[in-house]
């Protein structure tokens, strides 16, 4: 109990406990709401009686009351007055800051949700693009069957024709063998090193 010449506050922890149970984040903003003003009482000179209530039906209640003169703690009382004034200012600032914080948090969540949607949209578009690209490759291999008349297929049929001519050409067998060997030699004996001399 304080009997001082200025307003003293007590901290009610139940306010913060309730806020903590509902929303831990909101508990920070409600933390200073528990600071409640005490009744201002001043002691005047004279005899004072203090009654302490205790249930001594089950067990004896023992209390020790110590009285201290505030005048000897003048520096401490000044510090108490200053810090409680700072806490009251901070409580007022936190009330304003909570509104600002809630708006910023809502905006952040909105932007975060948009980021997720945009990312998903871009991923889907790129997947769709990749599937279109791959359909070109698949369509190209299917669209050009053998003998379709394109240059690449024509050149392969040309080689096949030469091969068939050399193997099945009528005439004497000796000359066809020599032709066959020379054509095979030309066909298989490729100059891989890039030099013209043998």
Protein backbone atom coordinates (compact mmCIF):
# COMPACT_ATOMS: atom_id res chain seq x y z
CA UNK A 1 0.00 0.00 0.00
CA UNK A 2 1.28 3.43 -0.89
CA UNK A 3 0.22 6.59 0.88
CA UNK A 4 1.82 9.17 -1.34
CA UNK A 5 0.90 12.67 -2.42
CA UNK A 6 0.49 11.62 -6.11
CA UNK A 7 -1.41 9.02 -8.13
CA UNK A 8 0.00 5.50 -7.88
CA UNK A 9 -0.87 2.60 -10.20
CA UNK A 10 -1.16 -1.13 -9.81
CA UNK A 11 -0.62 -3.67 -12.59
CA UNK A 12 -3.57 -5.99 -13.17
CA UNK A 13 -2.11 -9.09 -14.86
CA UNK A 14 -5.51 -10.71 -15.58
CA UNK A 15 -6.17 -8.23 -18.43
CA UNK A 16 -3.05 -9.38 -20.26
CA UNK A 17 -3.71 -13.05 -19.47
CA UNK A 18 -7.13 -12.89 -21.14
CA UNK A 19 -5.70 -11.14 -24.19
CA UNK A 20 -2.86 -13.69 -24.38
CA UNK A 21 -5.34 -16.58 -24.39
CA UNK A 22 -7.37 -15.11 -27.25
CA UNK A 23 -4.63 -13.62 -29.42
CA UNK A 24 -0.93 -13.71 -28.42
CA UNK A 25 -0.13 -10.88 -30.84
CA UNK A 26 -2.81 -8.64 -29.36
CA UNK A 27 -1.43 -9.35 -25.89
CA UNK A 28 1.47 -7.01 -26.61
CA UNK A 29 -0.89 -4.12 -27.28
CA UNK A 30 -2.97 -4.95 -24.19
CA UNK A 31 0.05 -5.40 -21.96
CA UNK A 32 -0.08 -1.89 -20.50
CA UNK A 33 -3.88 -1.87 -20.21
CA UNK A 34 -3.49 -3.62 -16.86
CA UNK A 35 -2.01 -0.48 -15.34
CA UNK A 36 -4.88 0.69 -13.12
CA UNK A 37 -4.92 3.70 -10.80
CA UNK A 38 -5.01 3.03 -7.08
CA UNK A 39 -7.16 5.03 -4.75
CA UNK A 40 -5.24 8.06 -3.59
CA UNK A 41 -4.90 7.97 0.18
CA UNK A 42 -2.85 10.21 2.34
CA UNK A 43 -1.94 9.55 5.93
CA UNK A 44 -2.22 12.41 8.26
CA UNK A 45 -0.49 12.67 11.57
CA UNK A 46 -2.03 10.54 14.26
CA UNK A 47 -2.80 6.91 15.15
CA UNK A 48 -3.92 4.56 12.39
CA UNK A 49 -5.41 1.06 12.65
CA UNK A 50 -4.86 -1.47 9.84
CA UNK A 51 -7.13 -4.50 9.71
CA UNK A 52 -5.97 -7.58 7.81
CA UNK A 53 -8.55 -10.17 6.83
CA UNK A 54 -7.45 -13.81 7.06
CA UNK A 55 -9.30 -17.10 7.33
CA UNK A 56 -8.01 -18.49 10.61
CA UNK A 57 -10.72 -21.13 10.93
CA UNK A 58 -8.54 -23.87 9.35
CA UNK A 59 -5.11 -22.53 10.27
CA UNK A 60 -3.82 -19.57 12.16
CA UNK A 61 -3.20 -16.50 9.99
CA UNK A 62 0.03 -14.66 10.69
CA UNK A 63 0.96 -11.38 9.09
CA UNK A 64 3.77 -8.96 9.58
CA UNK A 65 3.11 -5.34 8.70
CA UNK A 66 6.06 -3.07 8.10
CA UNK A 67 5.65 0.67 7.85
CA UNK A 68 8.20 2.79 6.00
CA UNK A 69 8.31 6.54 5.89
CA UNK A 70 8.09 7.80 2.29
CA UNK A 71 10.11 10.85 3.20
CA UNK A 72 13.24 8.67 3.48
CA UNK A 73 12.57 7.36 -0.07
CA UNK A 74 12.03 10.72 -1.72
CA UNK A 75 14.34 9.92 -4.65
CA UNK A 76 12.62 6.55 -5.19
CA UNK A 77 9.13 8.08 -5.13
CA UNK A 78 10.22 10.58 -7.78
CA UNK A 79 11.51 7.73 -9.98
CA UNK A 80 8.23 5.85 -9.49
CA UNK A 81 6.24 8.91 -10.51
CA UNK A 82 8.40 9.41 -13.64
CA UNK A 83 8.31 5.79 -14.82
CA UNK A 84 4.56 5.49 -14.38
CA UNK A 85 4.08 8.70 -16.38
CA UNK A 86 6.26 7.21 -19.15
CA UNK A 87 4.22 3.98 -19.09
CA UNK A 88 0.96 5.94 -19.40
CA UNK A 89 2.36 7.83 -22.41
CA UNK A 90 3.53 4.56 -23.95
CA UNK A 91 0.09 3.01 -23.41
CA UNK A 92 -1.49 5.89 -25.32
CA UNK A 93 1.11 5.52 -28.13
CA UNK A 94 0.48 1.77 -28.34
CA UNK A 95 -3.25 2.33 -28.79
CA UNK A 96 -2.53 4.50 -31.83
CA UNK A 97 0.21 2.19 -33.08
CA UNK A 98 -2.10 -0.84 -32.88
CA UNK A 99 -4.46 0.77 -35.41
CA UNK A 100 -1.53 1.55 -37.72
CA UNK A 101 -0.12 -1.95 -37.25
CA UNK A 102 -3.45 -3.65 -38.01
CA UNK A 103 -3.82 -1.65 -41.24
CA UNK A 104 -0.24 -2.47 -42.30
CA UNK A 105 -0.75 -6.15 -41.41
CA UNK A 106 -3.96 -6.32 -43.45
CA UNK A 107 -2.16 -4.67 -46.39
CA UNK A 108 0.76 -7.08 -46.00
CA UNK A 109 -1.58 -10.08 -46.06
CA UNK A 110 -3.33 -8.66 -49.11
CA UNK A 111 -0.01 -8.19 -50.92
CA UNK A 112 1.20 -11.65 -49.83
CA UNK A 113 -1.99 -13.24 -51.16
CA UNK A 114 -1.57 -11.39 -54.44
CA UNK A 115 2.05 -12.53 -54.64
CA UNK A 116 0.92 -16.16 -54.24
CA UNK A 117 -1.75 -15.74 -56.92
CA UNK A 118 0.64 -14.00 -59.34
CA UNK A 119 3.28 -16.67 -58.80
CA UNK A 120 0.73 -19.41 -59.45
CA UNK A 121 -0.52 -17.60 -62.56
CA UNK A 122 3.01 -17.19 -63.98
CA UNK A 123 3.84 -20.85 -63.24
CA UNK A 124 0.67 -21.99 -65.04
CA UNK A 125 1.38 -19.78 -68.07
CA UNK A 126 4.96 -21.07 -68.33
CA UNK A 127 3.74 -24.67 -68.05
CA UNK A 128 1.20 -23.99 -70.78
CA UNK A 129 3.93 -22.43 -72.94
CA UNK A 130 6.18 -25.45 -72.39
CA UNK A 131 3.38 -27.81 -73.38
CA UNK A 132 2.83 -25.79 -76.59
CA UNK A 133 6.57 -25.97 -77.34
CA UNK A 134 6.63 -29.70 -76.76
CA UNK A 135 3.60 -30.15 -79.03
CA UNK A 136 5.65 -28.64 -81.90
CA UNK A 137 8.32 -31.30 -81.41
CA UNK A 138 5.83 -34.15 -81.16
CA UNK A 139 3.79 -32.87 -84.13
CA UNK A 140 6.94 -32.54 -86.25
CA UNK A 141 8.04 -36.14 -85.77
CA UNK A 142 4.53 -37.41 -86.44
CA UNK A 143 3.83 -35.04 -89.36
CA UNK A 144 6.80 -36.19 -91.48
CA UNK A 145 6.49 -39.93 -92.16
CA UNK A 146 8.91 -41.62 -94.56
CA UNK A 147 8.40 -40.96 -98.25
CA UNK A 148 6.64 -37.65 -97.69
CA UNK A 149 8.77 -35.87 -100.29
CA UNK A 150 10.79 -33.61 -97.97
CA UNK A 151 14.47 -33.08 -98.65
CA UNK A 152 15.72 -35.07 -95.68
CA UNK A 153 13.55 -38.08 -96.54
CA UNK A 154 14.34 -37.74 -100.24
CA UNK A 155 18.05 -37.86 -99.57
CA UNK A 156 17.68 -40.97 -97.41
CA UNK A 157 15.62 -42.68 -100.12
CA UNK A 158 18.28 -41.64 -102.63
CA UNK A 159 20.93 -43.41 -100.60
CA UNK A 160 18.69 -46.42 -100.20
CA UNK A 161 18.14 -46.50 -103.93
CA UNK A 162 21.86 -46.42 -104.64
CA UNK A 163 22.40 -49.16 -102.15
CA UNK A 164 19.73 -51.29 -103.79
CA UNK A 165 21.11 -50.58 -107.28
CA UNK A 166 24.58 -51.68 -106.32
CA UNK A 167 23.36 -54.83 -104.65
CA UNK A 168 20.74 -55.93 -107.20
CA UNK A 169 22.10 -54.61 -110.48
CA UNK A 170 21.92 -57.21 -113.28
CA UNK A 171 24.99 -58.06 -115.24
CA UNK A 172 28.01 -60.16 -114.69
CA UNK A 173 28.71 -61.08 -111.13
CA UNK A 174 32.39 -60.12 -111.15
CA UNK A 175 31.71 -56.58 -112.21
CA UNK A 176 28.79 -56.28 -109.80
CA UNK A 177 31.03 -57.51 -106.98
CA UNK A 178 33.70 -54.97 -107.84
CA UNK A 179 31.01 -52.27 -108.15
CA UNK A 180 29.53 -53.40 -104.89
CA UNK A 181 32.90 -53.29 -103.17
CA UNK A 182 33.79 -49.87 -104.54
CA UNK A 183 30.39 -48.40 -103.61
CA UNK A 184 30.61 -49.92 -100.17
CA UNK A 185 34.13 -48.62 -99.87
CA UNK A 186 32.95 -45.14 -100.79
CA UNK A 187 29.99 -45.44 -98.46
CA UNK A 188 31.73 -46.85 -95.39
CA UNK A 189 35.27 -45.53 -95.78
CA UNK A 190 34.50 -41.98 -94.67
CA UNK A 191 37.40 -39.66 -94.03
CA UNK A 192 36.78 -38.89 -90.37
CA UNK A 193 40.09 -37.15 -89.74
CA UNK A 194 39.44 -34.53 -92.41
CA UNK A 195 42.62 -35.18 -94.46
CA UNK A 196 42.34 -35.76 -98.22
CA UNK A 197 45.36 -38.09 -98.42
CA UNK A 198 45.10 -41.83 -97.72
